[in-house]
Protein backbone atom coordinates (compact mmCIF):
# COMPACT_ATOMS: atom_id res chain seq x y z
CA UNK A 1 0.00 0.00 0.00
CA UNK A 2 1.59 3.29 -1.03
CA UNK A 3 2.20 6.01 1.50
CA UNK A 4 1.79 9.70 0.93
CA UNK A 5 3.16 12.93 2.31
CA UNK A 6 1.81 16.44 2.29
CA UNK A 7 4.05 19.03 0.60
CA UNK A 8 2.84 22.62 0.33
CA UNK A 9 -0.76 21.45 0.67
CA UNK A 10 -0.37 18.82 -2.05
CA UNK A 11 -0.54 15.07 -1.43
CA UNK A 12 2.44 13.30 -2.99
CA UNK A 13 3.27 9.60 -3.02
CA UNK A 14 6.51 8.65 -1.26
CA UNK A 15 9.43 7.66 -3.46
CA UNK A 16 10.90 4.16 -3.25
CA UNK A 17 13.77 5.51 -1.11
CA UNK A 18 11.33 7.24 1.24
CA UNK A 19 9.25 4.06 1.48
CA UNK A 20 12.37 2.05 2.34
CA UNK A 21 13.40 4.60 4.97
CA UNK A 22 9.92 4.57 6.51
CA UNK A 23 9.91 0.76 6.54
CA UNK A 24 13.28 0.80 8.34
CA UNK A 25 11.98 3.32 10.89
CA UNK A 26 8.89 1.21 11.58
CA UNK A 27 11.01 -1.95 11.90
CA UNK A 28 13.34 -0.21 14.35
CA UNK A 29 10.33 0.93 16.41
CA UNK A 30 8.86 -2.57 16.43
CA UNK A 31 12.23 -4.11 17.35
CA UNK A 32 12.37 -1.86 20.42
CA UNK A 33 8.90 -2.79 21.70
CA UNK A 34 10.19 -5.36 24.21
CA UNK A 35 12.79 -2.97 25.61
CA UNK A 36 10.17 -0.22 26.03
CA UNK A 37 7.76 -2.63 27.71
CA UNK A 38 10.47 -3.82 30.12
CA UNK A 39 11.46 -0.24 30.89
CA UNK A 40 7.86 0.61 31.82
CA UNK A 41 7.53 -2.55 33.90
CA UNK A 42 10.76 -1.82 35.78
CA UNK A 43 9.67 1.77 36.44
CA UNK A 44 6.40 0.57 38.01
CA UNK A 45 8.22 -2.13 39.97
CA UNK A 46 10.86 0.33 41.21
CA UNK A 47 8.17 2.74 42.42
CA UNK A 48 6.45 -0.03 44.38
CA UNK A 49 9.77 -1.02 45.93
CA UNK A 50 10.58 2.60 46.76
CA UNK A 51 7.20 2.96 48.46
CA UNK A 52 8.25 0.26 50.96
CA UNK A 53 11.97 1.04 51.27
CA UNK A 54 11.43 2.68 54.65
CA UNK A 55 10.36 -0.71 55.99
CA UNK A 56 13.79 -2.16 55.14
CA UNK A 57 15.74 0.30 57.28
CA UNK A 58 17.97 -1.20 59.95
CA UNK A 59 15.84 0.19 62.80
CA UNK A 60 12.73 -1.58 61.52
CA UNK A 61 11.76 -5.25 61.54
CA UNK A 62 10.02 -6.18 58.32
CA UNK A 63 7.23 -8.77 58.40
CA UNK A 64 7.63 -12.02 56.50
CA UNK A 65 4.74 -10.99 54.23
CA UNK A 66 6.46 -7.72 53.34
CA UNK A 67 9.76 -9.51 52.71
CA UNK A 68 7.95 -11.94 50.38
CA UNK A 69 6.17 -9.06 48.63
CA UNK A 70 9.40 -7.14 48.03
CA UNK A 71 11.15 -10.28 46.75
CA UNK A 72 8.26 -10.98 44.39
CA UNK A 73 8.62 -7.43 43.03
CA UNK A 74 12.35 -7.92 42.49
CA UNK A 75 11.71 -11.24 40.72
CA UNK A 76 8.88 -9.94 38.53
CA UNK A 77 11.08 -9.46 35.44
CA UNK A 78 12.55 -12.99 35.53
CA UNK A 79 11.74 -15.15 32.51
CA UNK A 80 10.05 -12.45 30.44
CA UNK A 81 10.99 -12.77 26.77
CA UNK A 82 8.16 -11.17 24.80
CA UNK A 83 5.98 -8.08 24.94
CA UNK A 84 3.00 -10.37 25.59
CA UNK A 85 4.82 -11.79 28.64
CA UNK A 86 5.40 -8.29 29.97
CA UNK A 87 1.80 -7.22 29.35
CA UNK A 88 0.55 -10.33 31.19
CA UNK A 89 2.47 -9.51 34.39
CA UNK A 90 0.30 -9.24 37.49
CA UNK A 91 1.87 -7.32 40.34
CA UNK A 92 1.68 -8.90 43.79
CA UNK A 93 -0.67 -7.40 46.34
CA UNK A 94 0.96 -5.25 48.99
CA UNK A 95 0.40 -6.67 52.46
CA UNK A 96 -1.35 -4.51 55.04
């Protein structure tokens, strides 16, 4: 399917070189989908860990449930190999 661009108010079909360049750009974007998904997942995970960091201070005794929760957050990226895997991640529930 041909692509078009707008030049000075006129619709013009892309040249073969422009089509190839656009295809390469789209492929590069698609190739980076997993890395972007993992980056977003890690950002969410890191925020959840940061929200409970105060519980891990040396003057505080963390409950076994909280220790398990924090470990589950740290392990959440293990074994993920596709964007679908990342999108299917379910975060653990924070203990009370």
